[in-house]
Amino acid sequence: MSYPFGSLHPIGEHTQPLEIAKNNQIPVDTYAGRLHVEWDPQAAVTPLGQLPFFIEFLKTTKLFDELVEECPLEFTSNNASDVRDILGSMLLSVLSGHTRYSHLNALRGESINAELLGMKKVVSEDVIRRSLLGIDESKGIAWLENNLKKCYEHLLTIPWILDLDATVKPLYGKQEGAEIGYNPTKPGRPAHIYHSFFIANIRIALNVDVQNGKNISGFYSTPGLWALLEALPKEQWPQFIRGDISYGTEKSL
């Protein structure tokens, strides 16, 4: 096979996409069955317009199914909402760019994408709040970390660098762990500190350790860092760990 001049990679096969483009229909497998997506270049762009493709990915990989099956939510009432509806509503809200529980009310009339995701309905913000409060903390953390690990563990088979970063998140209202500390953008405003662990360059998050607003030093997230590494086989450990100067103290080693 010949490569174009200056190209590091061969040109991929593009016959099938061209045929699909000519037919103006793209087949997509969803939980509601197969559908054909048509592109209209004159239509307005919508935030969830390309969601059927992501739903096909979730169905093929079974990531969403396993997230629902392993969820530690337990209900005794016959009138309780379905776990799939709860997690699906949260997923649709996140993909819509929502940052508050109340924003989810904008999706209450969403029926098409909810059906494609295998949901019966979009639940209210109150249902989600009560459901999250009902999850045991230790079981909930293990559930989320195990499902997050499925998304990145295969990437760790090649050499990689672990990036450590601390982000100040200003808070408004009364929240647990809201403390006044170093806050360059909102001085005097209570905050949380997000200590994040990333795969460098591709910026995939392995975990986030949330600390109160005073704990910005890397010393406070060191236990979470070592716990993350100890949970990985040695052959999947990073080649380098890259962080701020606060991680280079004797207390962190």
Protein backbone atom coordinates (compact mmCIF):
# COMPACT_ATOMS: atom_id res chain seq x y z
CA MET A 1 0.00 0.00 0.00
CA SER A 2 1.40 3.43 -0.91
CA TYR A 3 1.15 6.41 1.44
CA PRO A 4 0.68 10.03 0.32
CA PHE A 5 3.81 12.17 0.52
CA GLY A 6 4.36 13.47 4.04
CA SER A 7 1.63 11.27 5.55
CA LEU A 8 2.38 9.07 8.56
CA HIS A 9 -0.76 6.98 8.23
CA PRO A 10 -2.49 5.35 5.26
CA ILE A 11 -5.77 6.75 4.04
CA GLY A 12 -8.66 4.81 5.55
CA GLU A 13 -11.39 3.10 3.59
CA HIS A 14 -14.04 5.68 2.79
CA THR A 15 -16.24 3.84 0.31
CA GLN A 16 -18.99 3.03 2.79
CA PRO A 17 -19.30 6.56 4.27
CA LEU A 18 -19.56 7.96 0.73
CA GLU A 19 -22.37 5.55 -0.09
CA ILE A 20 -24.17 6.49 3.12
CA ALA A 21 -23.76 10.17 2.32
CA LYS A 22 -25.31 9.64 -1.11
CA ASN A 23 -28.34 7.90 0.41
CA ASN A 24 -28.55 10.63 3.08
CA GLN A 25 -29.46 7.97 5.68
CA ILE A 26 -27.28 6.46 8.37
CA PRO A 27 -28.46 3.26 10.11
CA VAL A 28 -28.16 3.35 13.91
CA ASP A 29 -28.95 0.54 16.39
CA THR A 30 -30.62 1.75 19.60
CA TYR A 31 -32.53 0.19 22.49
CA ALA A 32 -35.74 1.04 20.65
CA GLY A 33 -34.58 -0.83 17.55
CA ARG A 34 -32.80 0.24 14.37
CA LEU A 35 -33.50 3.66 12.93
CA HIS A 36 -32.11 5.70 10.06
CA VAL A 37 -30.75 9.16 10.74
CA GLU A 38 -31.17 11.76 8.00
CA TRP A 39 -29.08 14.93 7.83
CA ASP A 40 -30.71 18.25 7.07
CA PRO A 41 -28.06 20.95 6.52
CA GLN A 42 -30.70 23.67 6.76
CA ALA A 43 -32.08 22.60 10.15
CA ALA A 44 -31.05 24.25 13.41
CA VAL A 45 -28.42 22.48 15.49
CA THR A 46 -29.77 20.84 18.66
CA PRO A 47 -27.73 19.69 21.72
CA LEU A 48 -29.06 16.13 21.54
CA GLY A 49 -29.26 15.79 17.76
CA GLN A 50 -26.33 13.37 17.56
CA LEU A 51 -27.27 11.39 20.65
CA PRO A 52 -28.52 8.33 18.67
CA PHE A 53 -24.91 7.65 17.62
CA PHE A 54 -23.74 7.78 21.23
CA ILE A 55 -26.63 5.52 22.26
CA GLU A 56 -25.50 3.00 19.64
CA PHE A 57 -22.02 3.13 21.20
CA LEU A 58 -23.47 2.56 24.69
CA LYS A 59 -25.54 -0.38 23.45
CA THR A 60 -22.65 -1.98 21.57
CA THR A 61 -20.22 -1.69 24.49
CA LYS A 62 -22.92 -2.48 27.11
CA LEU A 63 -21.47 0.28 29.28
CA PHE A 64 -24.86 1.76 30.15
CA ASP A 65 -26.46 -1.65 30.75
CA GLU A 66 -23.70 -2.59 33.20
CA LEU A 67 -23.94 0.81 34.90
CA VAL A 68 -27.64 0.18 35.52
CA GLU A 69 -27.26 -3.47 36.55
CA GLU A 70 -24.49 -2.75 39.07
CA CYS A 71 -26.12 0.37 40.58
CA PRO A 72 -26.50 -0.06 44.37
CA LEU A 73 -29.90 1.66 44.37
CA GLU A 74 -32.52 -0.47 46.13
CA PHE A 75 -36.23 0.34 46.30
CA THR A 76 -38.97 -1.46 48.23
CA SER A 77 -41.97 0.50 46.96
CA ASN A 78 -43.87 -0.71 43.91
CA ASN A 79 -44.28 2.94 42.90
CA ALA A 80 -40.55 3.66 42.88
CA SER A 81 -38.97 4.90 39.68
CA ASP A 82 -36.99 2.49 37.54
CA VAL A 83 -33.21 2.64 38.05
CA ARG A 84 -32.71 2.91 34.29
CA ASP A 85 -35.01 5.94 34.17
CA ILE A 86 -33.08 7.62 37.00
CA LEU A 87 -29.62 7.05 35.55
CA GLY A 88 -30.83 7.75 32.02
CA SER A 89 -32.31 11.09 33.11
CA MET A 90 -29.00 12.03 34.71
CA LEU A 91 -27.13 11.01 31.55
CA LEU A 92 -29.37 13.09 29.29
CA SER A 93 -29.00 16.05 31.64
CA VAL A 94 -25.20 15.85 31.66
CA LEU A 95 -25.04 15.50 27.86
CA SER A 96 -27.27 18.58 27.58
CA GLY A 97 -24.68 20.61 29.48
CA HIS A 98 -26.74 21.04 32.63
CA THR A 99 -24.92 22.13 35.79
CA ARG A 100 -27.78 22.11 38.31
CA TYR A 101 -30.49 19.64 39.29
CA SER A 102 -33.20 22.16 38.40
CA HIS A 103 -31.99 22.28 34.78
CA LEU A 104 -33.25 18.73 34.34
CA ASN A 105 -36.82 20.04 34.21
CA ALA A 106 -36.08 21.21 30.67
CA LEU A 107 -35.99 17.53 29.64
CA ARG A 108 -39.34 16.53 31.14
CA GLY A 109 -40.92 16.61 27.68
CA GLU A 110 -38.06 14.63 26.10
CA SER A 111 -39.47 11.35 24.80
CA ILE A 112 -37.54 10.44 21.65
CA ASN A 113 -34.02 10.09 23.06
CA ALA A 114 -35.38 8.64 26.29
CA GLU A 115 -37.04 5.85 24.30
CA LEU A 116 -33.86 5.27 22.28
CA LEU A 117 -32.00 4.82 25.56
CA GLY A 118 -34.50 2.20 26.72
CA MET A 119 -36.18 4.48 29.26
CA LYS A 120 -39.86 4.74 30.08
CA LYS A 121 -39.74 8.41 31.11
CA VAL A 122 -37.55 11.27 32.31
CA VAL A 123 -37.84 11.58 36.09
CA SER A 124 -37.91 14.81 38.10
CA GLU A 125 -35.01 16.43 39.90
CA ASP A 126 -36.55 15.50 43.27
CA VAL A 127 -36.50 11.80 42.35
CA ILE A 128 -32.82 12.04 41.47
CA ARG A 129 -31.96 13.91 44.68
CA ARG A 130 -33.73 11.34 46.87
CA SER A 131 -32.21 8.45 44.94
CA LEU A 132 -28.65 9.72 45.32
CA LEU A 133 -29.19 10.25 49.04
CA GLY A 134 -30.33 6.64 49.32
CA ILE A 135 -27.08 5.19 47.95
CA ASP A 136 -24.61 3.95 50.53
CA GLU A 137 -21.46 6.07 50.15
CA SER A 138 -18.93 3.25 50.09
CA LYS A 139 -21.02 1.15 47.68
CA GLY A 140 -21.66 4.19 45.50
CA ILE A 141 -17.97 5.08 45.22
CA ALA A 142 -17.02 1.50 44.36
CA TRP A 143 -19.80 1.34 41.74
CA LEU A 144 -18.71 4.55 40.02
CA GLU A 145 -14.99 3.80 40.15
CA ASN A 146 -15.46 0.29 38.75
CA ASN A 147 -17.55 1.53 35.84
CA LEU A 148 -15.18 4.41 35.16
CA LYS A 149 -12.28 1.96 35.08
CA LYS A 150 -13.94 0.08 32.22
CA CYS A 151 -13.59 3.20 30.08
CA TYR A 152 -9.84 3.62 30.43
CA GLU A 153 -8.17 0.38 31.60
CA HIS A 154 -7.42 -0.85 28.06
CA LEU A 155 -5.57 2.41 27.33
CA LEU A 156 -3.06 1.75 30.11
CA THR A 157 -1.41 -1.11 28.25
CA ILE A 158 0.84 1.37 26.40
CA PRO A 159 3.29 3.82 28.06
CA TRP A 160 1.49 6.85 29.48
CA ILE A 161 1.93 9.83 31.81
CA LEU A 162 -0.27 10.60 34.82
CA ASP A 163 -1.14 14.29 35.18
CA LEU A 164 -2.11 15.69 38.60
CA ASP A 165 -4.07 18.93 38.79
CA ALA A 166 -5.92 20.91 41.49
CA THR A 167 -8.88 23.11 40.47
CA VAL A 168 -10.67 25.61 42.70
CA LYS A 169 -14.48 25.36 42.34
CA PRO A 170 -16.27 28.39 43.89
CA LEU A 171 -19.49 27.46 45.69
CA TYR A 172 -22.74 29.35 46.18
CA GLY A 173 -25.08 28.25 48.94
CA LYS A 174 -24.51 25.81 51.78
CA GLN A 175 -22.54 22.73 50.79
CA GLU A 176 -20.56 20.20 52.78
CA GLY A 177 -16.85 21.01 52.79
CA ALA A 178 -17.31 24.60 51.60
CA GLU A 179 -14.31 26.42 53.10
CA ILE A 180 -12.65 29.78 52.45
CA GLY A 181 -9.11 29.22 51.22
CA TYR A 182 -6.98 30.02 48.19
CA ASN A 183 -9.35 31.25 45.51
CA PRO A 184 -7.75 33.40 42.77
CA THR A 185 -10.96 34.08 40.81
CA LYS A 186 -13.36 34.64 43.72
CA PRO A 187 -11.31 35.73 46.77
CA GLY A 188 -13.21 35.19 50.01
CA ARG A 189 -15.71 32.82 48.38
CA PRO A 190 -16.07 29.30 49.86
CA ALA A 191 -14.95 26.56 47.50
CA HIS A 192 -14.17 22.92 46.90
CA ILE A 193 -10.82 21.75 45.56
CA TYR A 194 -10.97 19.17 42.78
CA HIS A 195 -7.76 17.10 42.77
CA SER A 196 -7.89 15.40 39.37
CA PHE A 197 -5.87 12.51 37.96
CA PHE A 198 -5.64 12.52 34.14
CA ILE A 199 -4.05 10.51 31.37
CA ALA A 200 -1.83 13.18 29.82
CA ASN A 201 -2.57 14.56 26.34
CA ILE A 202 -5.85 12.70 25.82
CA ARG A 203 -7.15 14.20 29.10
CA ILE A 204 -9.20 11.23 30.23
CA ALA A 205 -9.97 11.49 33.94
CA LEU A 206 -9.08 8.46 36.04
CA ASN A 207 -10.48 9.91 39.25
CA VAL A 208 -11.25 13.14 41.09
CA ASP A 209 -10.64 13.62 44.81
CA VAL A 210 -12.90 16.38 46.17
CA GLN A 211 -11.44 18.26 49.15
CA ASN A 212 -12.61 21.29 51.13
CA GLY A 213 -11.54 24.76 50.05
CA LYS A 214 -8.50 24.87 52.31
CA ASN A 215 -6.90 21.63 51.07
CA ILE A 216 -5.33 22.78 47.82
CA SER A 217 -1.92 21.22 48.46
CA GLY A 218 -1.14 17.95 46.71
CA PHE A 219 -0.46 16.43 50.12
CA TYR A 220 -4.20 16.07 50.74
CA SER A 221 -4.86 14.05 47.57
CA THR A 222 -1.80 11.82 47.92
CA PRO A 223 -3.76 9.00 49.67
CA GLY A 224 -6.20 8.95 46.76
CA LEU A 225 -3.33 8.91 44.29
CA TRP A 226 -1.65 5.89 45.87
CA ALA A 227 -5.01 4.11 46.22
CA LEU A 228 -5.57 4.61 42.47
CA LEU A 229 -2.15 3.18 41.60
CA GLU A 230 -2.43 0.26 43.99
CA ALA A 231 -5.70 -0.74 42.33
CA LEU A 232 -3.89 -1.10 38.98
CA PRO A 233 -1.59 -3.95 37.96
CA LYS A 234 2.06 -2.88 37.96
CA GLU A 235 2.27 -3.29 34.17
CA GLN A 236 -0.41 -0.57 33.83
CA TRP A 237 1.36 1.98 36.01
CA PRO A 238 2.38 5.29 34.37
CA GLN A 239 5.91 5.93 33.15
CA PHE A 240 5.91 9.34 34.85
CA ILE A 241 3.74 11.22 37.34
CA ARG A 242 3.53 14.93 36.57
CA GLY A 243 2.14 17.43 39.07
CA ASP A 244 2.63 20.78 40.81
CA ILE A 245 5.47 21.49 43.22
CA SER A 246 3.23 20.61 46.19
CA TYR A 247 3.44 16.94 45.17
CA GLY A 248 7.23 16.98 45.43
CA THR A 249 7.43 17.23 49.21
CA GLU A 250 8.53 14.57 51.65
CA LYS A 251 4.99 14.33 53.06
CA SER A 252 3.69 13.22 49.66
CA LEU A 253 6.28 10.48 49.14
